[in-house]
């Protein structure tokens, strides 16, 4: 399979993701976002969540705040 084949097979999804402003590198933050949502459901404070997830995954807190805002956007 070539990159072209993969893209053509998923063209509609790729177009929607592009329209929503998603960058391919954003997939690196999916697990961190899932952790943030889980901890939020458990009642933790957001500042603590961001600090803890950032430390565990070696992601700057500022990046996690950006990810939280971006991934929470309705499309």
N, C-alpha and C. Protein backbone atom coordinates (compact mmCIF):
# COMPACT_ATOMS: atom_id res chain seq x y z
N UNK A 1 0.85 -1.17 0.00
CA UNK A 1 0.00 0.00 0.00
C UNK A 1 0.90 1.24 0.00
N UNK A 2 0.53 2.21 -0.77
CA UNK A 2 1.26 3.47 -0.81
C UNK A 2 0.54 4.52 0.03
N UNK A 3 1.22 5.61 0.28
CA UNK A 3 0.60 6.71 1.00
C UNK A 3 -0.62 7.22 0.24
N UNK A 4 -0.50 7.28 -1.06
CA UNK A 4 -1.63 7.71 -1.89
C UNK A 4 -2.84 6.80 -1.68
N UNK A 5 -2.62 5.50 -1.70
CA UNK A 5 -3.72 4.54 -1.50
C UNK A 5 -4.39 4.75 -0.14
N UNK A 6 -3.57 4.96 0.87
CA UNK A 6 -4.10 5.17 2.22
C UNK A 6 -4.93 6.46 2.28
N UNK A 7 -4.42 7.51 1.67
CA UNK A 7 -5.13 8.79 1.69
C UNK A 7 -6.43 8.72 0.89
N UNK A 8 -6.40 8.10 -0.26
CA UNK A 8 -7.61 7.99 -1.09
C UNK A 8 -8.68 7.17 -0.36
N UNK A 9 -8.27 6.15 0.33
CA UNK A 9 -9.21 5.31 1.06
C UNK A 9 -9.88 6.02 2.22
N UNK A 10 -9.27 7.11 2.67
CA UNK A 10 -9.79 7.85 3.83
C UNK A 10 -10.01 9.32 3.51
N UNK A 11 -10.25 9.63 2.26
CA UNK A 11 -10.30 11.01 1.81
C UNK A 11 -11.35 11.85 2.53
N UNK A 12 -12.52 11.30 2.76
CA UNK A 12 -13.58 12.07 3.43
C UNK A 12 -13.19 12.42 4.86
N UNK A 13 -12.66 11.44 5.59
CA UNK A 13 -12.24 11.69 6.96
C UNK A 13 -11.08 12.70 6.99
N UNK A 14 -10.14 12.57 6.07
CA UNK A 14 -9.01 13.49 6.02
C UNK A 14 -9.46 14.91 5.70
N UNK A 15 -10.42 15.06 4.83
CA UNK A 15 -10.94 16.39 4.51
C UNK A 15 -11.60 17.03 5.72
N UNK A 16 -12.38 16.25 6.46
CA UNK A 16 -13.05 16.78 7.65
C UNK A 16 -12.03 17.16 8.72
N UNK A 17 -11.01 16.32 8.90
CA UNK A 17 -9.98 16.63 9.88
C UNK A 17 -9.22 17.90 9.49
N UNK A 18 -8.93 18.04 8.21
CA UNK A 18 -8.25 19.23 7.73
C UNK A 18 -9.11 20.47 7.94
N UNK A 19 -10.39 20.35 7.64
CA UNK A 19 -11.31 21.46 7.83
C UNK A 19 -11.40 21.88 9.30
N UNK A 20 -11.27 20.90 10.19
CA UNK A 20 -11.34 21.18 11.62
C UNK A 20 -10.01 21.69 12.17
N UNK A 21 -8.99 21.76 11.34
CA UNK A 21 -7.70 22.29 11.77
C UNK A 21 -6.80 21.29 12.47
N UNK A 22 -7.07 20.00 12.29
CA UNK A 22 -6.27 18.96 12.92
C UNK A 22 -4.96 18.79 12.16
N UNK A 23 -3.87 18.73 12.90
CA UNK A 23 -2.56 18.46 12.32
C UNK A 23 -2.21 17.00 12.63
N UNK A 24 -1.46 16.38 11.75
CA UNK A 24 -1.14 14.96 11.92
C UNK A 24 -0.44 14.69 13.25
N UNK A 25 0.35 15.64 13.72
CA UNK A 25 1.05 15.47 14.99
C UNK A 25 0.14 15.44 16.20
N UNK A 26 -1.10 15.87 16.04
CA UNK A 26 -2.05 15.86 17.15
C UNK A 26 -2.35 14.45 17.64
N UNK A 27 -2.12 13.45 16.82
CA UNK A 27 -2.39 12.08 17.26
C UNK A 27 -1.50 11.68 18.43
N UNK A 28 -0.37 12.38 18.60
CA UNK A 28 0.54 12.07 19.71
C UNK A 28 -0.06 12.42 21.06
N UNK A 29 -1.13 13.20 21.07
CA UNK A 29 -1.73 13.66 22.31
C UNK A 29 -3.04 12.96 22.66
N UNK A 30 -3.47 12.01 21.86
CA UNK A 30 -4.75 11.35 22.09
C UNK A 30 -4.78 10.64 23.44
N UNK A 31 -3.73 9.90 23.78
CA UNK A 31 -3.71 9.19 25.06
C UNK A 31 -3.67 10.15 26.24
N UNK A 32 -2.92 11.24 26.09
CA UNK A 32 -2.86 12.24 27.16
C UNK A 32 -4.24 12.87 27.37
N UNK A 33 -4.94 13.16 26.28
CA UNK A 33 -6.28 13.74 26.38
C UNK A 33 -7.24 12.76 27.07
N UNK A 34 -7.12 11.49 26.74
CA UNK A 34 -7.96 10.48 27.38
C UNK A 34 -7.70 10.45 28.90
N UNK A 35 -6.43 10.57 29.29
CA UNK A 35 -6.10 10.62 30.71
C UNK A 35 -6.70 11.86 31.38
N UNK A 36 -6.64 12.99 30.69
CA UNK A 36 -7.21 14.23 31.22
C UNK A 36 -8.71 14.06 31.45
N UNK A 37 -9.41 13.50 30.47
CA UNK A 37 -10.86 13.29 30.62
C UNK A 37 -11.18 12.35 31.77
N UNK A 38 -10.41 11.27 31.89
CA UNK A 38 -10.64 10.30 32.96
C UNK A 38 -10.46 10.95 34.33
N UNK A 39 -9.37 11.68 34.49
CA UNK A 39 -9.10 12.31 35.78
C UNK A 39 -10.13 13.40 36.09
N UNK A 40 -10.61 14.07 35.06
CA UNK A 40 -11.64 15.09 35.27
C UNK A 40 -12.93 14.43 35.76
N UNK A 41 -13.31 13.29 35.16
CA UNK A 41 -14.49 12.55 35.61
C UNK A 41 -14.34 12.09 37.05
N UNK A 42 -13.10 11.81 37.45
CA UNK A 42 -12.84 11.36 38.82
C UNK A 42 -12.86 12.51 39.82
N UNK A 43 -13.02 13.74 39.32
CA UNK A 43 -13.16 14.88 40.21
C UNK A 43 -11.89 15.65 40.52
N UNK A 44 -10.80 15.34 39.84
CA UNK A 44 -9.55 16.06 40.07
C UNK A 44 -9.64 17.49 39.53
N UNK A 45 -8.85 18.38 40.07
CA UNK A 45 -8.79 19.77 39.61
C UNK A 45 -7.95 19.83 38.34
N UNK A 46 -8.32 20.71 37.41
CA UNK A 46 -7.66 20.78 36.11
C UNK A 46 -6.18 21.13 36.22
N UNK A 47 -5.82 22.03 37.10
CA UNK A 47 -4.41 22.40 37.25
C UNK A 47 -3.58 21.19 37.67
N UNK A 48 -4.11 20.40 38.60
CA UNK A 48 -3.43 19.18 39.04
C UNK A 48 -3.35 18.18 37.89
N UNK A 49 -4.44 18.01 37.16
CA UNK A 49 -4.47 17.05 36.06
C UNK A 49 -3.40 17.39 35.02
N UNK A 50 -3.36 18.64 34.61
CA UNK A 50 -2.40 19.06 33.59
C UNK A 50 -0.97 18.85 34.07
N UNK A 51 -0.71 19.20 35.32
CA UNK A 51 0.64 19.02 35.88
C UNK A 51 1.02 17.55 35.93
N UNK A 52 0.10 16.71 36.38
CA UNK A 52 0.39 15.28 36.53
C UNK A 52 0.57 14.60 35.18
N UNK A 53 -0.34 14.84 34.25
CA UNK A 53 -0.25 14.22 32.93
C UNK A 53 1.00 14.72 32.21
N UNK A 54 1.29 16.00 32.34
CA UNK A 54 2.49 16.55 31.72
C UNK A 54 3.76 15.90 32.24
N UNK A 55 3.83 15.72 33.55
CA UNK A 55 5.00 15.09 34.16
C UNK A 55 5.12 13.63 33.75
N UNK A 56 4.00 12.91 33.76
CA UNK A 56 4.02 11.49 33.40
C UNK A 56 4.42 11.26 31.96
N UNK A 57 3.98 12.14 31.07
CA UNK A 57 4.19 11.94 29.63
C UNK A 57 5.27 12.86 29.05
N UNK A 58 5.90 13.64 29.93
CA UNK A 58 6.96 14.57 29.49
C UNK A 58 6.46 15.52 28.41
N UNK A 59 5.29 16.10 28.66
CA UNK A 59 4.68 17.07 27.75
C UNK A 59 4.56 18.39 28.51
N UNK A 60 5.01 19.49 27.92
CA UNK A 60 4.88 20.77 28.62
C UNK A 60 3.42 21.10 28.94
N UNK A 61 3.20 21.67 30.12
CA UNK A 61 1.84 22.01 30.54
C UNK A 61 1.16 22.92 29.54
N UNK A 62 1.88 23.89 29.00
CA UNK A 62 1.29 24.81 28.02
C UNK A 62 0.75 24.05 26.81
N UNK A 63 1.47 23.03 26.39
CA UNK A 63 1.02 22.20 25.26
C UNK A 63 -0.26 21.45 25.61
N UNK A 64 -0.33 20.96 26.84
CA UNK A 64 -1.54 20.23 27.25
C UNK A 64 -2.75 21.15 27.33
N UNK A 65 -2.56 22.38 27.78
CA UNK A 65 -3.68 23.32 27.79
C UNK A 65 -4.16 23.57 26.36
N UNK A 66 -3.21 23.69 25.42
CA UNK A 66 -3.57 23.90 24.01
C UNK A 66 -4.33 22.68 23.48
N UNK A 67 -3.83 21.49 23.80
CA UNK A 67 -4.49 20.26 23.36
C UNK A 67 -5.90 20.17 23.93
N UNK A 68 -6.04 20.49 25.20
CA UNK A 68 -7.35 20.45 25.85
C UNK A 68 -8.33 21.37 25.14
N UNK A 69 -7.90 22.58 24.85
CA UNK A 69 -8.77 23.54 24.16
C UNK A 69 -9.10 23.05 22.74
N UNK A 70 -8.09 22.56 22.04
CA UNK A 70 -8.28 22.13 20.65
C UNK A 70 -9.17 20.89 20.57
N UNK A 71 -8.89 19.89 21.38
CA UNK A 71 -9.65 18.64 21.32
C UNK A 71 -11.06 18.79 21.85
N UNK A 72 -11.33 19.82 22.64
CA UNK A 72 -12.67 20.04 23.18
C UNK A 72 -13.56 20.84 22.23
N UNK A 73 -13.00 21.31 21.14
CA UNK A 73 -13.75 22.12 20.17
C UNK A 73 -14.77 21.27 19.44
N UNK A 74 -15.99 21.77 19.33
CA UNK A 74 -17.04 21.07 18.58
C UNK A 74 -16.80 21.27 17.09
N UNK A 75 -16.97 20.21 16.33
CA UNK A 75 -16.80 20.30 14.87
C UNK A 75 -18.07 19.90 14.16
